Amino acid sequence: MELKTKYFGPIEYTPQDILSFPNGLFGFETENEFLPLPFDGSGGDLICFQSVRTPELSFVAMNPFSLDPSYTPVLSPEELKFMGVEKSEELCYYVLCAVREPVSESTLNLRCPVVVHPQRKIAVQVILEDTPYHMRHRLGDFSAGGDAQSC
C-alpha cells in the first residue's frame, strides 16, 4: 500500500506496519492508525507518528530517555491491564514534540507520553499522575541523555 506522508513523501507500507491507537491521541480520538516512521540519522529516537487515514496529519515524537535517562513514567493498574503487561518498564515511550524555531525552543510533553507495546502493535496516550513532569519542557533545557532505552 502507498501513503503520501507529511515529512517523508510517498512511502510503501503493509498492514503489519500500522500501530493501532484504540483511543486515538488527545484531541484526535478518531485517528486510530499511525505509522511510526523514524527520521534519518536519529537512531530511532526521533520519529513521526503518521496518520494512515489523514495523510496531512502527523506528530513528531521523541524517545524521552534519550534526553533524560532518569525519566520514570508509571502507569496505573488499569493502563497496564489495557496494554497487557504487568510493569511500566515492559513498554516503550515517546513524548510529543511541538517543533519551534529555533529548535531549542521546541517543547516536549513529558506528562502525557505515548505508550507503545511493540509486539502487540498498540499504543495509547496517557496522563501521568503524581509526577514532576509537565506538558511543556523546553528542548534546550536538556543535555545529551547518554544511554537511552529504545524500542
N, C-alpha and C. Protein backbone atom coordinates (compact mmCIF):
# COMPACT_ATOMS: atom_id res chain seq x y z
N MET A 1 0.84 -1.17 0.00
CA MET A 1 0.00 0.00 0.00
C MET A 1 0.90 1.24 0.00
N GLU A 2 0.38 2.31 -0.57
CA GLU A 2 1.16 3.55 -0.63
C GLU A 2 0.42 4.65 0.12
N LEU A 3 1.21 5.50 0.79
CA LEU A 3 0.66 6.64 1.52
C LEU A 3 1.55 7.84 1.26
N LYS A 4 0.93 8.98 0.95
CA LYS A 4 1.68 10.23 0.82
C LYS A 4 1.77 10.83 2.21
N THR A 5 2.99 10.98 2.72
CA THR A 5 3.19 11.43 4.10
C THR A 5 3.60 12.90 4.14
N LYS A 6 3.46 13.47 5.31
CA LYS A 6 3.79 14.88 5.51
C LYS A 6 5.29 15.15 5.38
N TYR A 7 6.12 14.31 6.02
CA TYR A 7 7.57 14.56 6.06
C TYR A 7 8.40 13.65 5.17
N PHE A 8 7.85 12.53 4.71
CA PHE A 8 8.65 11.52 4.03
C PHE A 8 8.26 11.30 2.58
N GLY A 9 7.29 12.08 2.08
CA GLY A 9 6.82 11.87 0.72
C GLY A 9 6.04 10.56 0.64
N PRO A 10 5.88 10.02 -0.56
CA PRO A 10 5.14 8.76 -0.69
C PRO A 10 5.98 7.60 -0.14
N ILE A 11 5.32 6.75 0.63
CA ILE A 11 6.01 5.57 1.18
C ILE A 11 5.14 4.33 0.95
N GLU A 12 5.77 3.20 0.93
CA GLU A 12 5.07 1.91 0.87
C GLU A 12 5.01 1.35 2.28
N TYR A 13 3.87 0.75 2.62
CA TYR A 13 3.72 0.12 3.93
C TYR A 13 2.77 -1.06 3.81
N THR A 14 2.80 -1.90 4.82
CA THR A 14 1.88 -3.05 4.89
C THR A 14 1.02 -2.88 6.14
N PRO A 15 -0.10 -3.59 6.22
CA PRO A 15 -0.93 -3.51 7.42
C PRO A 15 -0.18 -3.87 8.70
N GLN A 16 0.84 -4.69 8.60
CA GLN A 16 1.63 -5.08 9.77
C GLN A 16 2.48 -3.92 10.31
N ASP A 17 2.69 -2.88 9.50
CA ASP A 17 3.46 -1.72 9.93
C ASP A 17 2.64 -0.76 10.79
N ILE A 18 1.33 -0.90 10.76
CA ILE A 18 0.43 0.05 11.42
C ILE A 18 0.43 -0.15 12.93
N LEU A 19 0.50 0.96 13.64
CA LEU A 19 0.38 0.99 15.09
C LEU A 19 -1.05 1.44 15.40
N SER A 20 -1.78 0.61 16.16
CA SER A 20 -3.18 0.89 16.46
C SER A 20 -3.30 1.70 17.75
N PHE A 21 -4.03 2.80 17.67
CA PHE A 21 -4.34 3.65 18.82
C PHE A 21 -5.84 3.52 19.07
N PRO A 22 -6.27 2.54 19.87
CA PRO A 22 -7.71 2.33 20.06
C PRO A 22 -8.47 3.57 20.51
N ASN A 23 -7.82 4.43 21.29
CA ASN A 23 -8.46 5.66 21.80
C ASN A 23 -8.01 6.91 21.07
N GLY A 24 -7.22 6.77 20.01
CA GLY A 24 -6.67 7.92 19.31
C GLY A 24 -5.67 8.65 20.18
N LEU A 25 -5.34 9.86 19.80
CA LEU A 25 -4.49 10.75 20.60
C LEU A 25 -5.38 11.86 21.14
N PHE A 26 -4.97 12.49 22.23
CA PHE A 26 -5.77 13.56 22.81
C PHE A 26 -6.07 14.62 21.76
N GLY A 27 -7.34 14.89 21.57
CA GLY A 27 -7.77 15.86 20.57
C GLY A 27 -7.96 15.27 19.18
N PHE A 28 -7.53 14.02 19.00
CA PHE A 28 -7.64 13.34 17.71
C PHE A 28 -8.15 11.91 17.96
N GLU A 29 -9.23 11.80 18.68
CA GLU A 29 -9.73 10.50 19.12
C GLU A 29 -10.19 9.60 17.98
N THR A 30 -10.52 10.17 16.82
CA THR A 30 -10.96 9.35 15.70
C THR A 30 -9.82 8.89 14.81
N GLU A 31 -8.62 9.33 15.11
CA GLU A 31 -7.43 8.88 14.36
C GLU A 31 -6.86 7.68 15.10
N ASN A 32 -7.04 6.49 14.54
CA ASN A 32 -6.69 5.27 15.26
C ASN A 32 -5.56 4.45 14.65
N GLU A 33 -5.07 4.84 13.50
CA GLU A 33 -3.98 4.09 12.86
C GLU A 33 -2.88 5.04 12.44
N PHE A 34 -1.67 4.73 12.91
CA PHE A 34 -0.50 5.54 12.60
C PHE A 34 0.66 4.65 12.20
N LEU A 35 1.52 5.20 11.39
CA LEU A 35 2.78 4.54 11.06
C LEU A 35 3.87 5.24 11.86
N PRO A 36 4.65 4.49 12.64
CA PRO A 36 5.79 5.11 13.33
C PRO A 36 6.99 5.14 12.37
N LEU A 37 7.35 6.33 11.93
CA LEU A 37 8.41 6.49 10.93
C LEU A 37 9.60 7.21 11.55
N PRO A 38 10.75 6.55 11.64
CA PRO A 38 11.93 7.22 12.21
C PRO A 38 12.53 8.22 11.24
N PHE A 39 12.98 9.34 11.78
CA PHE A 39 13.70 10.32 10.98
C PHE A 39 15.13 9.83 10.78
N ASP A 40 15.65 9.99 9.57
CA ASP A 40 17.02 9.57 9.25
C ASP A 40 18.02 10.20 10.22
N GLY A 41 18.98 9.39 10.64
CA GLY A 41 20.05 9.88 11.49
C GLY A 41 19.69 10.01 12.96
N SER A 42 18.47 9.65 13.35
CA SER A 42 18.06 9.82 14.75
C SER A 42 18.25 8.55 15.58
N GLY A 43 18.61 7.46 14.94
CA GLY A 43 18.76 6.21 15.67
C GLY A 43 17.44 5.73 16.28
N GLY A 44 16.33 6.19 15.74
CA GLY A 44 15.01 5.81 16.26
C GLY A 44 14.54 6.66 17.42
N ASP A 45 15.36 7.63 17.85
CA ASP A 45 14.96 8.49 18.99
C ASP A 45 14.03 9.62 18.57
N LEU A 46 13.96 9.92 17.30
CA LEU A 46 13.07 10.96 16.78
C LEU A 46 12.22 10.30 15.70
N ILE A 47 10.91 10.24 15.95
CA ILE A 47 10.03 9.58 15.00
C ILE A 47 8.85 10.48 14.66
N CYS A 48 8.14 10.03 13.65
CA CYS A 48 6.91 10.69 13.25
C CYS A 48 5.79 9.67 13.37
N PHE A 49 4.73 10.02 14.08
CA PHE A 49 3.52 9.21 14.07
C PHE A 49 2.67 9.76 12.92
N GLN A 50 2.67 9.05 11.81
CA GLN A 50 1.99 9.48 10.59
C GLN A 50 0.62 8.83 10.52
N SER A 51 -0.44 9.63 10.46
CA SER A 51 -1.79 9.10 10.33
C SER A 51 -1.93 8.36 9.00
N VAL A 52 -2.56 7.20 9.05
CA VAL A 52 -2.84 6.44 7.84
C VAL A 52 -4.08 7.00 7.16
N ARG A 53 -5.05 7.41 7.94
CA ARG A 53 -6.33 7.91 7.41
C ARG A 53 -6.23 9.33 6.85
N THR A 54 -5.42 10.18 7.51
CA THR A 54 -5.33 11.59 7.15
C THR A 54 -3.86 11.91 6.84
N PRO A 55 -3.44 11.79 5.58
CA PRO A 55 -2.03 11.94 5.24
C PRO A 55 -1.37 13.25 5.68
N GLU A 56 -2.13 14.33 5.79
CA GLU A 56 -1.53 15.60 6.21
C GLU A 56 -1.37 15.71 7.72
N LEU A 57 -1.79 14.68 8.47
CA LEU A 57 -1.70 14.70 9.93
C LEU A 57 -0.55 13.80 10.41
N SER A 58 0.37 14.40 11.12
CA SER A 58 1.46 13.62 11.72
C SER A 58 1.94 14.35 12.96
N PHE A 59 2.59 13.59 13.83
CA PHE A 59 3.09 14.14 15.09
C PHE A 59 4.56 13.76 15.24
N VAL A 60 5.38 14.74 15.56
CA VAL A 60 6.79 14.48 15.84
C VAL A 60 6.89 14.05 17.29
N ALA A 61 7.64 12.99 17.53
CA ALA A 61 7.79 12.45 18.89
C ALA A 61 9.23 12.05 19.12
N MET A 62 9.62 12.06 20.40
CA MET A 62 10.98 11.70 20.77
C MET A 62 10.98 10.62 21.84
N ASN A 63 12.04 9.86 21.87
CA ASN A 63 12.30 8.92 22.95
C ASN A 63 12.74 9.77 24.15
N PRO A 64 11.94 9.83 25.22
CA PRO A 64 12.29 10.71 26.34
C PRO A 64 13.56 10.28 27.06
N PHE A 65 13.90 9.00 26.99
CA PHE A 65 15.09 8.51 27.68
C PHE A 65 16.37 8.98 27.00
N SER A 66 16.28 9.36 25.72
CA SER A 66 17.46 9.89 25.03
C SER A 66 17.82 11.28 25.56
N LEU A 67 16.85 11.96 26.17
CA LEU A 67 17.08 13.29 26.74
C LEU A 67 17.27 13.24 28.25
N ASP A 68 16.54 12.36 28.89
CA ASP A 68 16.56 12.25 30.35
C ASP A 68 16.49 10.78 30.75
N PRO A 69 17.64 10.11 30.91
CA PRO A 69 17.64 8.69 31.26
C PRO A 69 16.92 8.39 32.58
N SER A 70 16.70 9.40 33.41
CA SER A 70 16.01 9.17 34.68
C SER A 70 14.49 9.32 34.56
N TYR A 71 13.99 9.56 33.36
CA TYR A 71 12.54 9.66 33.15
C TYR A 71 11.88 8.38 33.65
N THR A 72 10.86 8.52 34.50
CA THR A 72 10.24 7.34 35.11
C THR A 72 8.72 7.40 35.01
N PRO A 73 8.17 7.12 33.84
CA PRO A 73 6.72 7.08 33.71
C PRO A 73 6.16 5.84 34.41
N VAL A 74 5.11 6.03 35.19
CA VAL A 74 4.48 4.91 35.89
C VAL A 74 3.00 4.91 35.51
N LEU A 75 2.56 3.81 34.94
CA LEU A 75 1.18 3.69 34.52
C LEU A 75 0.31 3.16 35.65
N SER A 76 -0.97 3.48 35.59
CA SER A 76 -1.93 2.97 36.58
C SER A 76 -2.17 1.48 36.32
N PRO A 77 -2.69 0.77 37.31
CA PRO A 77 -3.01 -0.65 37.10
C PRO A 77 -3.97 -0.86 35.92
N GLU A 78 -4.91 0.06 35.73
CA GLU A 78 -5.86 -0.06 34.61
C GLU A 78 -5.15 0.11 33.27
N GLU A 79 -4.22 1.05 33.21
CA GLU A 79 -3.47 1.26 31.97
C GLU A 79 -2.57 0.07 31.66
N LEU A 80 -1.94 -0.48 32.69
CA LEU A 80 -1.10 -1.67 32.49
C LEU A 80 -1.94 -2.83 31.97
N LYS A 81 -3.11 -3.02 32.54
CA LYS A 81 -4.00 -4.10 32.11
C LYS A 81 -4.43 -3.89 30.66
N PHE A 82 -4.78 -2.66 30.31
CA PHE A 82 -5.18 -2.33 28.95
C PHE A 82 -4.05 -2.67 27.97
N MET A 83 -2.81 -2.40 28.37
CA MET A 83 -1.66 -2.66 27.50
C MET A 83 -1.22 -4.12 27.53
N GLY A 84 -1.74 -4.88 28.48
CA GLY A 84 -1.42 -6.32 28.55
C GLY A 84 -0.08 -6.63 29.16
N VAL A 85 0.37 -5.79 30.12
CA VAL A 85 1.65 -6.01 30.79
C VAL A 85 1.48 -5.85 32.30
N GLU A 86 2.50 -6.24 33.04
CA GLU A 86 2.45 -6.10 34.50
C GLU A 86 3.23 -4.90 35.00
N LYS A 87 4.26 -4.46 34.24
CA LYS A 87 5.11 -3.37 34.68
C LYS A 87 5.25 -2.31 33.58
N SER A 88 5.34 -1.05 34.00
CA SER A 88 5.51 0.06 33.06
C SER A 88 6.78 -0.11 32.22
N GLU A 89 7.80 -0.72 32.81
CA GLU A 89 9.09 -0.88 32.13
C GLU A 89 9.03 -1.84 30.94
N GLU A 90 7.95 -2.57 30.78
CA GLU A 90 7.82 -3.52 29.68
C GLU A 90 7.40 -2.85 28.37
N LEU A 91 7.15 -1.55 28.43
CA LEU A 91 6.62 -0.82 27.29
C LEU A 91 7.60 0.21 26.77
N CYS A 92 7.34 0.76 25.60
CA CYS A 92 8.14 1.83 25.02
C CYS A 92 7.39 3.15 25.18
N TYR A 93 8.14 4.23 25.26
CA TYR A 93 7.54 5.54 25.50
C TYR A 93 8.09 6.55 24.50
N TYR A 94 7.18 7.41 24.05
CA TYR A 94 7.55 8.55 23.22
C TYR A 94 6.80 9.76 23.76
N VAL A 95 7.40 10.92 23.62
CA VAL A 95 6.74 12.16 24.04
C VAL A 95 6.57 13.04 22.81
N LEU A 96 5.40 13.66 22.71
CA LEU A 96 5.11 14.50 21.56
C LEU A 96 5.89 15.81 21.67
N CYS A 97 6.30 16.29 20.53
CA CYS A 97 7.15 17.48 20.45
C CYS A 97 6.44 18.56 19.63
N ALA A 98 6.34 19.74 20.19
CA ALA A 98 5.85 20.91 19.44
C ALA A 98 7.09 21.60 18.89
N VAL A 99 7.32 21.46 17.60
CA VAL A 99 8.53 21.96 16.96
C VAL A 99 8.43 23.47 16.75
N ARG A 100 9.49 24.16 17.16
CA ARG A 100 9.54 25.61 17.05
C ARG A 100 10.89 26.04 16.46
N GLU A 101 10.98 27.29 16.08
CA GLU A 101 12.25 27.88 15.63
C GLU A 101 12.69 28.89 16.67
N PRO A 102 13.91 28.85 17.11
CA PRO A 102 14.90 27.81 16.85
C PRO A 102 14.48 26.50 17.53
N VAL A 103 15.09 25.42 17.09
CA VAL A 103 14.73 24.09 17.58
C VAL A 103 14.83 23.99 19.10
N SER A 104 15.77 24.70 19.71
CA SER A 104 15.94 24.65 21.17
C SER A 104 14.70 25.15 21.90
N GLU A 105 13.83 25.91 21.22
CA GLU A 105 12.59 26.41 21.83
C GLU A 105 11.43 25.43 21.68
N SER A 106 11.66 24.31 20.99
CA SER A 106 10.64 23.27 20.87
C SER A 106 10.32 22.75 22.26
N THR A 107 9.10 22.27 22.44
CA THR A 107 8.71 21.76 23.75
C THR A 107 8.27 20.31 23.65
N LEU A 108 8.46 19.60 24.77
CA LEU A 108 8.11 18.18 24.88
C LEU A 108 7.07 18.00 25.97
N ASN A 109 6.11 17.15 25.72
CA ASN A 109 5.08 16.86 26.70
C ASN A 109 5.45 15.56 27.44
N LEU A 110 6.17 15.71 28.55
CA LEU A 110 6.58 14.54 29.33
C LEU A 110 5.47 14.03 30.24
N ARG A 111 4.45 14.82 30.46
CA ARG A 111 3.34 14.40 31.33
C ARG A 111 2.36 13.45 30.63
N CYS A 112 2.28 13.54 29.31
CA CYS A 112 1.31 12.75 28.55
C CYS A 112 2.01 11.92 27.46
N PRO A 113 2.81 10.94 27.86
CA PRO A 113 3.54 10.17 26.85
C PRO A 113 2.63 9.26 26.02
N VAL A 114 3.14 8.90 24.87
CA VAL A 114 2.53 7.86 24.05
C VAL A 114 3.22 6.57 24.46
N VAL A 115 2.42 5.60 24.88
CA VAL A 115 2.93 4.33 25.38
C VAL A 115 2.68 3.27 24.31
N VAL A 116 3.74 2.54 23.95
CA VAL A 116 3.66 1.58 22.85
C VAL A 116 4.01 0.18 23.34
N HIS A 117 3.18 -0.77 22.95
CA HIS A 117 3.50 -2.19 23.14
C HIS A 117 3.95 -2.68 21.77
N PRO A 118 5.27 -2.78 21.54
CA PRO A 118 5.76 -3.05 20.18
C PRO A 118 5.35 -4.42 19.63
N GLN A 119 5.21 -5.43 20.47
CA GLN A 119 4.82 -6.75 19.98
C GLN A 119 3.34 -6.79 19.59
N ARG A 120 2.50 -6.15 20.37
CA ARG A 120 1.06 -6.15 20.08
C ARG A 120 0.67 -5.07 19.08
N LYS A 121 1.59 -4.13 18.79
CA LYS A 121 1.36 -3.04 17.83
C LYS A 121 0.18 -2.18 18.26
N ILE A 122 0.08 -1.92 19.58
CA ILE A 122 -0.93 -1.00 20.08
C ILE A 122 -0.25 0.12 20.84
N ALA A 123 -0.94 1.26 20.90
CA ALA A 123 -0.40 2.42 21.61
C ALA A 123 -1.55 3.20 22.23
N VAL A 124 -1.20 3.93 23.28
CA VAL A 124 -2.18 4.77 23.96
C VAL A 124 -1.44 5.98 24.52
N GLN A 125 -2.12 7.12 24.52
CA GLN A 125 -1.56 8.30 25.17
C GLN A 125 -2.17 8.37 26.56
N VAL A 126 -1.33 8.57 27.57
CA VAL A 126 -1.80 8.60 28.95
C VAL A 126 -1.43 9.94 29.60
N ILE A 127 -2.07 10.22 30.73
CA ILE A 127 -1.71 11.36 31.56
C ILE A 127 -1.10 10.79 32.83
N LEU A 128 0.17 11.09 33.08
CA LEU A 128 0.83 10.60 34.29
C LEU A 128 0.36 11.41 35.49
N GLU A 129 -0.02 10.72 36.54
CA GLU A 129 -0.48 11.37 37.77
C GLU A 129 0.67 11.41 38.78
N ASP A 130 0.60 12.32 39.73
CA ASP A 130 1.60 12.42 40.80
C ASP A 130 3.03 12.37 40.25
N THR A 131 3.33 13.27 39.36
CA THR A 131 4.62 13.27 38.69
C THR A 131 5.17 14.70 38.60
N PRO A 132 6.48 14.86 38.55
CA PRO A 132 7.05 16.19 38.40
C PRO A 132 7.03 16.69 36.94
N TYR A 133 6.62 15.83 36.02
CA TYR A 133 6.65 16.18 34.61
C TYR A 133 5.46 17.06 34.25
N HIS A 134 5.71 17.95 33.29
CA HIS A 134 4.62 18.80 32.82
C HIS A 134 4.54 18.73 31.30
N MET A 135 3.68 19.52 30.72
CA MET A 135 3.37 19.41 29.29
C MET A 135 4.26 20.23 28.38
N ARG A 136 5.09 21.10 28.93
CA ARG A 136 5.92 21.95 28.08
C ARG A 136 7.35 22.05 28.62
N HIS A 137 8.10 20.98 28.46
CA HIS A 137 9.52 21.01 28.80
C HIS A 137 10.28 21.52 27.57
N ARG A 138 11.06 22.55 27.75
CA ARG A 138 11.82 23.16 26.64
C ARG A 138 12.97 22.24 26.23
N LEU A 139 13.09 21.94 24.96
CA LEU A 139 14.13 21.05 24.45
C LEU A 139 15.52 21.56 24.80
N GLY A 140 15.73 22.86 24.75
CA GLY A 140 17.03 23.45 25.03
C GLY A 140 17.48 23.28 26.48
N ASP A 141 16.57 22.88 27.36
CA ASP A 141 16.93 22.67 28.77
C ASP A 141 17.54 21.30 29.04
N PHE A 142 17.56 20.44 28.02
CA PHE A 142 18.12 19.10 28.19
C PHE A 142 19.53 19.06 27.63
N SER A 143 20.37 18.26 28.27
CA SER A 143 21.69 17.97 27.68
C SER A 143 21.59 16.58 27.11
N ALA A 144 22.60 16.15 26.39
CA ALA A 144 22.57 14.81 25.80
C ALA A 144 22.34 13.79 26.89
N GLY A 145 21.40 12.89 26.67
CA GLY A 145 20.99 11.92 27.69
C GLY A 145 21.92 10.75 27.88
N GLY A 146 22.71 10.41 26.87
CA GLY A 146 23.60 9.26 27.04
C GLY A 146 22.90 7.98 26.68
N ASP A 147 22.96 6.99 27.57
CA ASP A 147 22.39 5.67 27.30
C ASP A 147 20.88 5.73 27.32
N ALA A 148 20.27 5.57 26.16
CA ALA A 148 18.82 5.62 26.05
C ALA A 148 18.26 4.21 25.88
N GLN A 149 17.16 4.00 26.51
CA GLN A 149 16.41 2.77 26.36
C GLN A 149 15.66 2.91 25.03
N SER A 150 15.66 1.89 24.21
CA SER A 150 14.98 2.03 22.93
C SER A 150 13.97 0.91 22.71
N CYS A 151 13.08 1.12 21.74
CA CYS A 151 12.07 0.11 21.38
C CYS A 151 12.64 -0.83 20.35
